[in-house]
Amino acid sequence: MIKVVNDPKILSVEDEAAAWVVAMMAESVPAHTERQFELWITANPDHAQAYADLSATWKAPSVAEATATVKRQRQGRSHLAIILGGAIAACLVLGFVSLNTKSVGLPAFKPQPTYSASLMTGPGDIQDVALPDGTRIALSGNSALTVQFLNGRRQVELTRGEAWFDVAHDEGRPFHVAANDTDVKVVGTAFNIDTVTGDITEISVYRGKVQVAVGKAHTDLTPGLKLISHSGRSEVTRFDAAQTPDWRDGWYEAEDIELGRLIAEVNRFAKVPVKIADPDLAAKTVSGRFKVSDPALVLSGLKQVYGINVQADETVTVLTK
C-alpha cells in the first residue's frame, strides 16, 4: 500500500489544469502519474473543462485522448494502491518540474517539491516503486518503509524488512535512510539495507559511495563493502557487488550463519510464519544457497541435511531438534 500526501497549499483549478497539461505532454507518462491524472480529471467537471480549455491553446492531448491513453497504458500493469490526500494531490507529479507558464500565457504557479508515502508488502510480495525524483526502491516481502521529501532533504525510514535503493543523483538534496540505529546518507548510488532483527542491520553498497552513521561513528562505504551494525557496534566486511542482491530473485546465500538468521529470510516469503522452538536450535549454524522464496523447499532441505523436525499446521510452522 502507498499513501501519498501532497503540499497543502491551495491552487486554483486553472493552475492544476496547467500542471496536468505539462504532465500529459511528456513523452512517457509514469504509472503513478496516470493514476493521479485519472483521479483528478474525474473528480470534478470543472477539472475536465479547465484541462480542455488549456489543452486547446497549447498542443496537449484533449481530455478524451489523455484519459484514453491512461487507460491503454494501465492495461496489463500491476500497481500498488495509491491513496491521495489533500485538495491538490493531483499536482504531486509536478513537484519536481520547473515550469515558466507565463511564457506560454498560462497561469503562473510554483510547484512545491514535497512528497510523502508509506510502502508496505506482505509475505512473498516483492514490489518495485519509482519515486518522483527518479529513485527506485525494491521492497522485499514482509517489509515496510516511509518516504518524505521536504525542505531540500529526501528522507526514508525502513521500519521492517529489506529494501534495495537505486538513488537518483541530486547534489542539492542528499538522500537519507534510517534503519534501526543506523543512518545512511547518499547523493546518488545503489545499495541494499536489511534490518535482520530489531538490533541488527546490514548495509551493502553496489555502486557509488555511502556514509553510514552508527551513533557518533561515521563510516564511508564503497562498492563491495558491507557494514553490519549490532546493538550500536559495527563491523565492515567485503562481498561480491557484481550483481544485485540474491533476494531479488528469491535466493539467500548462507555461509555458517545462524539458523535464526535464515528463518528470518524465509519469513519474508512464508505465508504461514516459521518459528524455532528453542534458542539453542536458533543458534545452530547452517550453510548453503537456499531458495527462500520457496519456504517448503527450504524446510525440506533443513530436515534432510540437518535433521531438523518440522511441525506445521494452518497457523504456524515450528522447528524443533
C-alpha atoms as a PDB file:
ATOM      1  CA  MET A   1       0.000   0.000   0.000  1.00  0.00           C
ATOM      2  CA  ILE A   2       1.178   3.530  -0.752  1.00  0.00           C
ATOM      3  CA  LYS A   3      -0.219   6.593   0.922  1.00  0.00           C
ATOM      4  CA  VAL A   4       0.683   9.870  -0.782  1.00  0.00           C
ATOM      5  CA  VAL A   5       0.242  13.277   0.830  1.00  0.00           C
ATOM      6  CA  ASN A   6       0.892  16.488  -1.073  1.00  0.00           C
ATOM      7  CA  ASP A   7       1.716  20.043  -0.010  1.00  0.00           C
ATOM      8  CA  PRO A   8      -1.364  21.740   1.497  1.00  0.00           C
ATOM      9  CA  LYS A   9      -1.004  24.966  -0.490  1.00  0.00           C
ATOM     10  CA  ILE A  10      -4.269  25.686  -2.351  1.00  0.00           C
ATOM     11  CA  LEU A  11      -4.083  26.209  -6.119  1.00  0.00           C
ATOM     12  CA  SER A  12      -6.852  27.231  -8.473  1.00  0.00           C
ATOM     13  CA  VAL A  13      -8.440  24.742 -10.859  1.00  0.00           C
ATOM     14  CA  GLU A  14      -6.678  26.557 -13.724  1.00  0.00           C
ATOM     15  CA  ASP A  15      -3.310  26.151 -12.009  1.00  0.00           C
ATOM     16  CA  GLU A  16      -3.931  22.443 -11.535  1.00  0.00           C
ATOM     17  CA  ALA A  17      -5.065  22.066 -15.143  1.00  0.00           C
ATOM     18  CA  ALA A  18      -1.917  23.849 -16.355  1.00  0.00           C
ATOM     19  CA  ALA A  19       0.172  21.412 -14.372  1.00  0.00           C
ATOM     20  CA  TRP A  20      -1.599  18.452 -15.916  1.00  0.00           C
ATOM     21  CA  VAL A  21      -1.220  19.840 -19.432  1.00  0.00           C
ATOM     22  CA  VAL A  22       2.546  19.764 -18.883  1.00  0.00           C
ATOM     23  CA  ALA A  23       2.447  16.295 -17.326  1.00  0.00           C
ATOM     24  CA  MET A  24       0.397  14.725 -20.125  1.00  0.00           C
ATOM     25  CA  MET A  25       2.660  16.252 -22.801  1.00  0.00           C
ATOM     26  CA  ALA A  26       5.550  14.130 -21.529  1.00  0.00           C
ATOM     27  CA  GLU A  27       6.900  11.551 -23.955  1.00  0.00           C
ATOM     28  CA  SER A  28       6.408   8.840 -21.330  1.00  0.00           C
ATOM     29  CA  VAL A  29       3.867   9.122 -18.501  1.00  0.00           C
ATOM     30  CA  PRO A  30       4.762   7.159 -15.324  1.00  0.00           C
ATOM     31  CA  ALA A  31       2.197   4.773 -13.904  1.00  0.00           C
ATOM     32  CA  HIS A  32       1.635   6.757 -10.711  1.00  0.00           C
ATOM     33  CA  THR A  33       1.083   9.912 -12.769  1.00  0.00           C
ATOM     34  CA  GLU A  34      -1.502   8.148 -14.921  1.00  0.00           C
ATOM     35  CA  ARG A  35      -3.479   7.115 -11.851  1.00  0.00           C
ATOM     36  CA  GLN A  36      -3.323  10.579 -10.310  1.00  0.00           C
ATOM     37  CA  PHE A  37      -4.468  12.209 -13.566  1.00  0.00           C
ATOM     38  CA  GLU A  38      -7.395   9.825 -13.851  1.00  0.00           C
ATOM     39  CA  LEU A  39      -8.465  10.594 -10.284  1.00  0.00           C
ATOM     40  CA  TRP A  40      -8.134  14.349 -10.818  1.00  0.00           C
ATOM     41  CA  ILE A  41      -9.870  14.580 -14.198  1.00  0.00           C
ATOM     42  CA  THR A  42     -12.900  12.592 -12.981  1.00  0.00           C
ATOM     43  CA  ALA A  43     -13.202  14.260  -9.566  1.00  0.00           C
ATOM     44  CA  ASN A  44     -14.993  17.393 -10.794  1.00  0.00           C
ATOM     45  CA  PRO A  45     -16.500  18.537 -14.133  1.00  0.00           C
ATOM     46  CA  ASP A  46     -14.609  21.819 -13.734  1.00  0.00           C
ATOM     47  CA  HIS A  47     -11.326  19.896 -13.929  1.00  0.00           C
ATOM     48  CA  ALA A  48     -12.190  18.433 -17.326  1.00  0.00           C
ATOM     49  CA  GLN A  49     -13.370  21.803 -18.634  1.00  0.00           C
ATOM     50  CA  ALA A  50     -10.250  23.648 -17.446  1.00  0.00           C
ATOM     51  CA  TYR A  51      -7.986  20.978 -18.908  1.00  0.00           C
ATOM     52  CA  ALA A  52      -9.863  21.081 -22.222  1.00  0.00           C
ATOM     53  CA  ASP A  53      -9.584  24.882 -22.409  1.00  0.00           C
ATOM     54  CA  LEU A  54      -5.843  24.894 -21.746  1.00  0.00           C
ATOM     55  CA  SER A  55      -5.047  21.924 -23.988  1.00  0.00           C
ATOM     56  CA  ALA A  56      -6.845  23.727 -26.804  1.00  0.00           C
ATOM     57  CA  THR A  57      -4.447  26.685 -26.549  1.00  0.00           C
ATOM     58  CA  TRP A  58      -1.371  24.524 -26.010  1.00  0.00           C
ATOM     59  CA  LYS A  59      -0.649  21.400 -28.062  1.00  0.00           C
ATOM     60  CA  ALA A  60      -1.545  18.958 -25.312  1.00  0.00           C
ATOM     61  CA  PRO A  61      -3.786  15.874 -25.600  1.00  0.00           C
ATOM     62  CA  SER A  62      -7.504  16.523 -25.299  1.00  0.00           C
ATOM     63  CA  VAL A  63      -9.350  15.192 -22.256  1.00  0.00           C
ATOM     64  CA  ALA A  64     -10.608  12.212 -24.233  1.00  0.00           C
ATOM     65  CA  GLU A  65      -7.183  11.448 -25.684  1.00  0.00           C
ATOM     66  CA  ALA A  66      -5.430  11.829 -22.324  1.00  0.00           C
ATOM     67  CA  THR A  67      -7.827   9.602 -20.408  1.00  0.00           C
ATOM     68  CA  ALA A  68      -7.813   7.011 -23.200  1.00  0.00           C
ATOM     69  CA  THR A  69      -4.010   6.985 -23.154  1.00  0.00           C
ATOM     70  CA  VAL A  70      -4.011   6.490 -19.403  1.00  0.00           C
ATOM     71  CA  LYS A  71      -6.380   3.538 -19.676  1.00  0.00           C
ATOM     72  CA  ARG A  72      -4.391   1.948 -22.517  1.00  0.00           C
ATOM     73  CA  GLN A  73      -1.082   2.325 -20.716  1.00  0.00           C
ATOM     74  CA  ARG A  74      -2.507   0.921 -17.492  1.00  0.00           C
ATOM     75  CA  GLN A  75      -3.798  -2.260 -19.150  1.00  0.00           C
ATOM     76  CA  GLY A  76      -1.762  -5.265 -18.082  1.00  0.00           C
ATOM     77  CA  ARG A  77       0.072  -3.404 -15.341  1.00  0.00           C
ATOM     78  CA  SER A  78       0.032  -4.244 -11.650  1.00  0.00           C
ATOM     79  CA  HIS A  79       0.123  -1.146  -9.477  1.00  0.00           C
ATOM     80  CA  LEU A  80       0.308  -0.587  -5.761  1.00  0.00           C
ATOM     81  CA  ALA A  81      -2.783   1.149  -4.424  1.00  0.00           C
ATOM     82  CA  ILE A  82      -2.386   4.937  -4.282  1.00  0.00           C
ATOM     83  CA  ILE A  83      -4.435   6.853  -1.736  1.00  0.00           C
ATOM     84  CA  LEU A  84      -4.257  10.551  -2.438  1.00  0.00           C
ATOM     85  CA  GLY A  85      -4.738  13.197   0.238  1.00  0.00           C
ATOM     86  CA  GLY A  86      -5.296  16.950   0.056  1.00  0.00           C
ATOM     87  CA  ALA A  87      -7.136  19.171  -2.398  1.00  0.00           C
ATOM     88  CA  ILE A  88      -4.213  19.352  -4.842  1.00  0.00           C
ATOM     89  CA  ALA A  89      -2.856  15.826  -4.653  1.00  0.00           C
ATOM     90  CA  ALA A  90      -3.163  15.610  -8.419  1.00  0.00           C
ATOM     91  CA  CYS A  91      -0.317  18.116  -8.790  1.00  0.00           C
ATOM     92  CA  LEU A  92       2.153  15.905  -6.924  1.00  0.00           C
ATOM     93  CA  VAL A  93       3.912  14.802 -10.093  1.00  0.00           C
ATOM     94  CA  LEU A  94       4.908  18.366 -10.881  1.00  0.00           C
ATOM     95  CA  GLY A  95       6.615  18.921  -7.558  1.00  0.00           C
ATOM     96  CA  PHE A  96       9.894  18.314  -9.374  1.00  0.00           C
ATOM     97  CA  VAL A  97       9.153  20.185 -12.635  1.00  0.00           C
ATOM     98  CA  SER A  98      10.293  23.746 -13.268  1.00  0.00           C
ATOM     99  CA  LEU A  99       7.708  25.500 -15.409  1.00  0.00           C
ATOM    100  CA  ASN A 100       7.513  29.068 -16.690  1.00  0.00           C
ATOM    101  CA  THR A 101       3.845  29.243 -17.590  1.00  0.00           C
ATOM    102  CA  LYS A 102       3.938  32.962 -18.242  1.00  0.00           C
ATOM    103  CA  SER A 103       5.912  32.402 -21.444  1.00  0.00           C
ATOM    104  CA  VAL A 104       3.006  30.445 -22.924  1.00  0.00           C
ATOM    105  CA  GLY A 105       0.194  32.512 -21.495  1.00  0.00           C
ATOM    106  CA  LEU A 106      -0.804  30.026 -18.790  1.00  0.00           C
ATOM    107  CA  PRO A 107      -1.500  30.785 -15.124  1.00  0.00           C
ATOM    108  CA  ALA A 108       1.737  31.072 -13.164  1.00  0.00           C
ATOM    109  CA  PHE A 109       2.347  28.824 -10.197  1.00  0.00           C
ATOM    110  CA  LYS A 110       5.302  27.364  -8.352  1.00  0.00           C
ATOM    111  CA  PRO A 111       5.013  23.636  -7.603  1.00  0.00           C
ATOM    112  CA  GLN A 112       6.271  22.606  -4.181  1.00  0.00           C
ATOM    113  CA  PRO A 113       8.881  19.803  -4.124  1.00  0.00           C
ATOM    114  CA  THR A 114       7.146  17.838  -1.368  1.00  0.00           C
ATOM    115  CA  TYR A 115       6.192  14.175  -1.317  1.00  0.00           C
ATOM    116  CA  SER A 116       5.427  11.562   1.288  1.00  0.00           C
ATOM    117  CA  ALA A 117       4.453   7.906   1.074  1.00  0.00           C
ATOM    118  CA  SER A 118       4.152   4.753   3.152  1.00  0.00           C
ATOM    119  CA  LEU A 119       5.102   1.484   1.431  1.00  0.00           C
ATOM    120  CA  MET A 120       4.284  -1.952   2.793  1.00  0.00           C
ATOM    121  CA  THR A 121       4.490  -5.531   1.490  1.00  0.00           C
ATOM    122  CA  GLY A 122       3.139  -8.810   2.797  1.00  0.00           C
ATOM    123  CA  PRO A 123       4.986 -12.154   2.923  1.00  0.00           C
ATOM    124  CA  GLY A 124       6.189 -13.151  -0.533  1.00  0.00           C
ATOM    125  CA  ASP A 125       5.192  -9.817  -2.048  1.00  0.00           C
ATOM    126  CA  ILE A 126       8.181  -8.075  -3.679  1.00  0.00           C
ATOM    127  CA  GLN A 127       7.397  -4.590  -5.012  1.00  0.00           C
ATOM    128  CA  ASP A 128       9.345  -2.148  -7.187  1.00  0.00           C
ATOM    129  CA  VAL A 129       8.436   1.505  -6.715  1.00  0.00           C
ATOM    130  CA  ALA A 130       9.555   4.625  -8.611  1.00  0.00           C
ATOM    131  CA  LEU A 131       9.743   7.870  -6.608  1.00  0.00           C
ATOM    132  CA  PRO A 132       9.096  11.271  -8.236  1.00  0.00           C
ATOM    133  CA  ASP A 133      12.811  12.182  -8.239  1.00  0.00           C
ATOM    134  CA  GLY A 134      13.716   9.109 -10.318  1.00  0.00           C
ATOM    135  CA  THR A 135      14.886   6.994  -7.381  1.00  0.00           C
ATOM    136  CA  ARG A 136      13.781   3.351  -7.485  1.00  0.00           C
ATOM    137  CA  ILE A 137      13.123   1.200  -4.434  1.00  0.00           C
ATOM    138  CA  ALA A 138      12.595  -2.569  -4.406  1.00  0.00           C
ATOM    139  CA  LEU A 139      10.901  -3.733  -1.234  1.00  0.00           C
ATOM    140  CA  SER A 140      11.308  -7.349  -0.115  1.00  0.00           C
ATOM    141  CA  GLY A 141       8.488  -9.420   1.333  1.00  0.00           C
ATOM    142  CA  ASN A 142       7.042  -8.519   4.744  1.00  0.00           C
ATOM    143  CA  SER A 143       8.792  -5.138   4.718  1.00  0.00           C
ATOM    144  CA  ALA A 144       7.742  -1.532   5.332  1.00  0.00           C
ATOM    145  CA  LEU A 145       9.151   1.971   4.926  1.00  0.00           C
ATOM    146  CA  THR A 146       8.124   5.605   4.814  1.00  0.00           C
ATOM    147  CA  VAL A 147       9.330   8.281   2.388  1.00  0.00           C
ATOM    148  CA  GLN A 148       9.320  12.067   2.791  1.00  0.00           C
ATOM    149  CA  PHE A 149      10.771  14.756   0.543  1.00  0.00           C
ATOM    150  CA  LEU A 150      10.716  18.112   2.323  1.00  0.00           C
ATOM    151  CA  ASN A 151      12.879  21.230   2.701  1.00  0.00           C
ATOM    152  CA  GLY A 152      15.671  20.040   0.420  1.00  0.00           C
ATOM    153  CA  ARG A 153      16.003  16.645   2.095  1.00  0.00           C
ATOM    154  CA  ARG A 154      14.968  13.204   0.870  1.00  0.00           C
ATOM    155  CA  GLN A 155      14.280  11.005   3.894  1.00  0.00           C
ATOM    156  CA  VAL A 156      13.348   7.315   4.152  1.00  0.00           C
ATOM    157  CA  GLU A 157      12.795   5.201   7.248  1.00  0.00           C
ATOM    158  CA  LEU A 158      12.972   1.427   6.811  1.00  0.00           C
ATOM    159  CA  THR A 159      10.837   0.185   9.690  1.00  0.00           C
ATOM    160  CA  ARG A 160      10.786  -3.506   8.803  1.00  0.00           C
ATOM    161  CA  GLY A 161      12.408  -5.933   6.405  1.00  0.00           C
ATOM    162  CA  GLU A 162      14.758  -5.295   3.499  1.00  0.00           C
ATOM    163  CA  ALA A 163      14.982  -2.877   0.588  1.00  0.00           C
ATOM    164  CA  TRP A 164      17.169  -2.136  -2.435  1.00  0.00           C
ATOM    165  CA  PHE A 165      17.742   1.529  -3.314  1.00  0.00           C
ATOM    166  CA  ASP A 166      18.863   2.947  -6.656  1.00  0.00           C
ATOM    167  CA  VAL A 167      19.057   6.632  -5.763  1.00  0.00           C
ATOM    168  CA  ALA A 168      18.797   9.391  -8.369  1.00  0.00           C
ATOM    169  CA  HIS A 169      21.767  11.765  -8.190  1.00  0.00           C
ATOM    170  CA  ASP A 170      20.974  15.181  -6.691  1.00  0.00           C
ATOM    171  CA  GLU A 171      23.821  17.161  -5.124  1.00  0.00           C
ATOM    172  CA  GLY A 172      21.424  19.653  -3.583  1.00  0.00           C
ATOM    173  CA  ARG A 173      19.222  17.080  -1.865  1.00  0.00           C
ATOM    174  CA  PRO A 174      21.021  14.265  -0.041  1.00  0.00           C
ATOM    175  CA  PHE A 175      19.116  11.005   0.362  1.00  0.00           C
ATOM    176  CA  HIS A 176      18.922   9.667   3.940  1.00  0.00           C
ATOM    177  CA  VAL A 177      17.741   6.237   5.072  1.00  0.00           C
ATOM    178  CA  ALA A 178      17.197   5.468   8.758  1.00  0.00           C
ATOM    179  CA  ALA A 179      17.092   1.804   9.783  1.00  0.00           C
ATOM    180  CA  ASN A 180      17.269   0.667  13.411  1.00  0.00           C
ATOM    181  CA  ASP A 181      20.244   2.549  14.901  1.00  0.00           C
ATOM    182  CA  THR A 182      21.853   3.451  11.555  1.00  0.00           C
ATOM    183  CA  ASP A 183      21.547   6.495   9.287  1.00  0.00           C
ATOM    184  CA  VAL A 184      22.660   6.198   5.670  1.00  0.00           C
ATOM    185  CA  LYS A 185      23.469   9.321   3.653  1.00  0.00           C
ATOM    186  CA  VAL A 186      23.994   9.342  -0.120  1.00  0.00           C
ATOM    187  CA  VAL A 187      23.717  11.691  -3.079  1.00  0.00           C
ATOM    188  CA  GLY A 188      23.245   9.098  -5.820  1.00  0.00           C
ATOM    189  CA  THR A 189      24.143   5.413  -5.569  1.00  0.00           C
ATOM    190  CA  ALA A 190      22.814   1.860  -5.296  1.00  0.00           C
ATOM    191  CA  PHE A 191      22.763  -0.044  -2.026  1.00  0.00           C
ATOM    192  CA  ASN A 192      20.801  -2.607  -0.028  1.00  0.00           C
ATOM    193  CA  ILE A 193      19.622  -2.421   3.596  1.00  0.00           C
ATOM    194  CA  ASP A 194      18.464  -5.437   5.582  1.00  0.00           C
ATOM    195  CA  THR A 195      17.015  -4.966   9.064  1.00  0.00           C
ATOM    196  CA  VAL A 196      17.797  -8.524  10.116  1.00  0.00           C
ATOM    197  CA  THR A 197      16.342  -8.027  13.583  1.00  0.00           C
ATOM    198  CA  GLY A 198      15.448  -5.043  15.738  1.00  0.00           C
ATOM    199  CA  ASP A 199      19.114  -4.515  16.616  1.00  0.00           C
ATOM    200  CA  ILE A 200      20.976  -5.917  13.579  1.00  0.00           C
ATOM    201  CA  THR A 201      21.242  -4.003  10.309  1.00  0.00           C
ATOM    202  CA  GLU A 202      23.247  -4.861   7.183  1.00  0.00           C
ATOM    203  CA  ILE A 203      24.111  -2.179   4.604  1.00  0.00           C
ATOM    204  CA  SER A 204      25.696  -3.321   1.328  1.00  0.00           C
ATOM    205  CA  VAL A 205      26.951  -0.890  -1.338  1.00  0.00           C
ATOM    206  CA  TYR A 206      26.812  -1.839  -5.025  1.00  0.00           C
ATOM    207  CA  ARG A 207      27.541   1.497  -6.715  1.00  0.00           C
ATOM    208  CA  GLY A 208      28.730   4.944  -5.650  1.00  0.00           C
ATOM    209  CA  LYS A 209      29.567   5.930  -2.088  1.00  0.00           C
ATOM    210  CA  VAL A 210      27.567   5.695   1.125  1.00  0.00           C
ATOM    211  CA  GLN A 211      28.172   7.300   4.513  1.00  0.00           C
ATOM    212  CA  VAL A 212      26.778   5.324   7.443  1.00  0.00           C
ATOM    213  CA  ALA A 213      26.360   6.756  10.930  1.00  0.00           C
ATOM    214  CA  VAL A 214      26.034   4.371  13.875  1.00  0.00           C
ATOM    215  CA  GLY A 215      25.769   6.540  16.951  1.00  0.00           C
ATOM    216  CA  LYS A 216      28.625   9.046  16.720  1.00  0.00           C
ATOM    217  CA  ALA A 217      30.759   6.815  14.457  1.00  0.00           C
ATOM    218  CA  HIS A 218      30.746   7.515  10.705  1.00  0.00           C
ATOM    219  CA  THR A 219      31.935   5.040   8.077  1.00  0.00           C
ATOM    220  CA  ASP A 220      32.310   5.568   4.322  1.00  0.00           C
ATOM    221  CA  LEU A 221      31.417   2.547   2.215  1.00  0.00           C
ATOM    222  CA  THR A 222      32.332   1.953  -1.423  1.00  0.00           C
ATOM    223  CA  PRO A 223      31.179  -0.842  -3.770  1.00  0.00           C
ATOM    224  CA  GLY A 224      31.836  -4.306  -2.365  1.00  0.00           C
ATOM    225  CA  LEU A 225      31.754  -3.218   1.274  1.00  0.00           C
ATOM    226  CA  LYS A 226      29.079  -4.241   3.767  1.00  0.00           C
ATOM    227  CA  LEU A 227      28.553  -2.711   7.211  1.00  0.00           C
ATOM    228  CA  ILE A 228      26.888  -4.838   9.875  1.00  0.00           C
ATOM    229  CA  SER A 229      25.520  -2.912  12.857  1.00  0.00           C
ATOM    230  CA  HIS A 230      24.661  -4.846  16.012  1.00  0.00           C
ATOM    231  CA  SER A 231      23.411  -3.051  19.126  1.00  0.00           C
ATOM    232  CA  GLY A 232      25.385   0.111  18.412  1.00  0.00           C
ATOM    233  CA  ARG A 233      28.583  -1.674  17.324  1.00  0.00           C
ATOM    234  CA  SER A 234      29.580  -2.080  13.685  1.00  0.00           C
ATOM    235  CA  GLU A 235      31.979  -4.063  11.516  1.00  0.00           C
ATOM    236  CA  VAL A 236      32.790  -3.864   7.813  1.00  0.00           C
ATOM    237  CA  THR A 237      33.196  -6.922   5.579  1.00  0.00           C
ATOM    238  CA  ARG A 238      33.605  -7.493   1.852  1.00  0.00           C
ATOM    239  CA  PHE A 239      31.181  -9.107  -0.597  1.00  0.00           C
ATOM    240  CA  ASP A 240      30.774  -9.568  -4.349  1.00  0.00           C
ATOM    241  CA  ALA A 241      28.986  -6.487  -5.698  1.00  0.00           C
ATOM    242  CA  ALA A 242      28.941  -7.674  -9.312  1.00  0.00           C
ATOM    243  CA  GLN A 243      25.230  -8.485  -9.169  1.00  0.00           C
ATOM    244  CA  THR A 244      22.178  -7.211  -7.328  1.00  0.00           C
ATOM    245  CA  PRO A 245      21.152  -8.915  -4.064  1.00  0.00           C
ATOM    246  CA  ASP A 246      20.116 -12.579  -4.285  1.00  0.00           C
ATOM    247  CA  TRP A 247      16.793 -11.875  -2.595  1.00  0.00           C
ATOM    248  CA  ARG A 248      15.636 -10.038  -5.725  1.00  0.00           C
ATOM    249  CA  ASP A 249      15.496 -13.500  -7.314  1.00  0.00           C
ATOM    250  CA  GLY A 250      14.246 -15.245  -4.180  1.00  0.00           C
ATOM    251  CA  TRP A 251      17.582 -16.713  -3.019  1.00  0.00           C
ATOM    252  CA  TYR A 252      19.723 -16.419   0.104  1.00  0.00           C
ATOM    253  CA  GLU A 253      23.416 -17.299   0.260  1.00  0.00           C
ATOM    254  CA  ALA A 254      24.388 -18.624   3.711  1.00  0.00           C
ATOM    255  CA  GLU A 255      27.866 -19.397   4.983  1.00  0.00           C
ATOM    256  CA  ASP A 256      27.985 -20.541   8.605  1.00  0.00           C
ATOM    257  CA  ILE A 257      25.101 -18.321   9.609  1.00  0.00           C
ATOM    258  CA  GLU A 258      22.704 -19.000  12.462  1.00  0.00           C
ATOM    259  CA  LEU A 259      19.510 -20.855  11.649  1.00  0.00           C
ATOM    260  CA  GLY A 260      17.548 -17.967  13.147  1.00  0.00           C
ATOM    261  CA  ARG A 261      19.024 -15.667  10.512  1.00  0.00           C
ATOM    262  CA  LEU A 262      17.991 -17.986   7.692  1.00  0.00           C
ATOM    263  CA  ILE A 263      14.466 -18.368   9.068  1.00  0.00           C
ATOM    264  CA  ALA A 264      14.156 -14.575   9.248  1.00  0.00           C
ATOM    265  CA  GLU A 265      14.732 -14.540   5.482  1.00  0.00           C
ATOM    266  CA  VAL A 266      12.273 -17.402   4.953  1.00  0.00           C
ATOM    267  CA  ASN A 267       9.606 -15.464   6.860  1.00  0.00           C
ATOM    268  CA  ARG A 268       9.857 -12.672   4.297  1.00  0.00           C
ATOM    269  CA  PHE A 269       8.180 -15.106   1.914  1.00  0.00           C
ATOM    270  CA  ALA A 270       6.291 -17.605   4.078  1.00  0.00           C
ATOM    271  CA  LYS A 271       2.503 -17.224   4.119  1.00  0.00           C
ATOM    272  CA  VAL A 272       2.479 -19.241   7.359  1.00  0.00           C
ATOM    273  CA  PRO A 273       5.107 -17.941   9.846  1.00  0.00           C
ATOM    274  CA  VAL A 274       8.015 -20.214  10.770  1.00  0.00           C
ATOM    275  CA  LYS A 275       9.208 -20.289  14.395  1.00  0.00           C
ATOM    276  CA  ILE A 276      12.140 -22.008  16.116  1.00  0.00           C
ATOM    277  CA  ALA A 277      11.299 -23.859  19.308  1.00  0.00           C
ATOM    278  CA  ASP A 278      14.395 -23.019  21.403  1.00  0.00           C
ATOM    279  CA  PRO A 279      17.407 -20.647  21.391  1.00  0.00           C
ATOM    280  CA  ASP A 280      19.973 -23.441  21.006  1.00  0.00           C
ATOM    281  CA  LEU A 281      18.419 -24.534  17.723  1.00  0.00           C
ATOM    282  CA  ALA A 282      18.166 -20.930  16.539  1.00  0.00           C
ATOM    283  CA  ALA A 283      21.916 -20.539  17.146  1.00  0.00           C
ATOM    284  CA  LYS A 284      22.795 -23.645  15.095  1.00  0.00           C
ATOM    285  CA  THR A 285      24.918 -22.676  12.056  1.00  0.00           C
ATOM    286  CA  VAL A 286      23.938 -23.636   8.522  1.00  0.00           C
ATOM    287  CA  SER A 287      25.450 -23.125   5.074  1.00  0.00           C
ATOM    288  CA  GLY A 288      24.180 -23.306   1.521  1.00  0.00           C
ATOM    289  CA  ARG A 289      22.243 -21.471  -1.151  1.00  0.00           C
ATOM    290  CA  PHE A 290      18.588 -21.506  -0.161  1.00  0.00           C
ATOM    291  CA  LYS A 291      15.558 -20.712  -2.328  1.00  0.00           C
ATOM    292  CA  VAL A 292      13.846 -18.671   0.417  1.00  0.00           C
ATOM    293  CA  SER A 293      11.006 -17.702  -1.925  1.00  0.00           C
ATOM    294  CA  ASP A 294      10.010 -21.395  -1.662  1.00  0.00           C
ATOM    295  CA  PRO A 295       9.766 -21.907   2.131  1.00  0.00           C
ATOM    296  CA  ALA A 296       8.580 -25.529   1.811  1.00  0.00           C
ATOM    297  CA  LEU A 297      11.702 -26.393  -0.189  1.00  0.00           C
ATOM    298  CA  VAL A 298      13.983 -24.749   2.400  1.00  0.00           C
ATOM    299  CA  LEU A 299      12.298 -26.543   5.308  1.00  0.00           C
ATOM    300  CA  SER A 300      12.517 -29.864   3.475  1.00  0.00           C
ATOM    301  CA  GLY A 301      16.242 -29.311   2.933  1.00  0.00           C
ATOM    302  CA  LEU A 302      16.817 -28.445   6.600  1.00  0.00           C
ATOM    303  CA  LYS A 303      15.028 -31.631   7.612  1.00  0.00           C
ATOM    304  CA  GLN A 304      17.072 -33.821   5.277  1.00  0.00           C
ATOM    305  CA  VAL A 305      20.503 -32.228   5.741  1.00  0.00           C
ATOM    306  CA  TYR A 306      20.427 -31.086   9.371  1.00  0.00           C
ATOM    307  CA  GLY A 307      17.856 -33.462  10.872  1.00  0.00           C
ATOM    308  CA  ILE A 308      15.561 -30.652  11.999  1.00  0.00           C
ATOM    309  CA  ASN A 309      11.968 -31.609  12.760  1.00  0.00           C
ATOM    310  CA  VAL A 310       9.248 -29.599  11.045  1.00  0.00           C
ATOM    311  CA  GLN A 311       5.776 -29.478  12.588  1.00  0.00           C
ATOM    312  CA  ALA A 312       3.184 -27.465  10.689  1.00  0.00           C
ATOM    313  CA  ASP A 313      -0.476 -26.561  10.957  1.00  0.00           C
ATOM    314  CA  GLU A 314      -2.617 -23.858   9.347  1.00  0.00           C
ATOM    315  CA  THR A 315      -1.321 -21.047  11.577  1.00  0.00           C
ATOM    316  CA  VAL A 316       2.364 -21.749  12.265  1.00  0.00           C
ATOM    317  CA  THR A 317       5.315 -23.956  11.376  1.00  0.00           C
ATOM    318  CA  VAL A 318       7.564 -24.919  14.310  1.00  0.00           C
ATOM    319  CA  LEU A 319      11.149 -26.191  14.034  1.00  0.00           C
ATOM    320  CA  THR A 320      12.449 -28.495  16.757  1.00  0.00           C
ATOM    321  CA  LYS A 321      15.547 -30.635  17.324  1.00  0.00           C
END
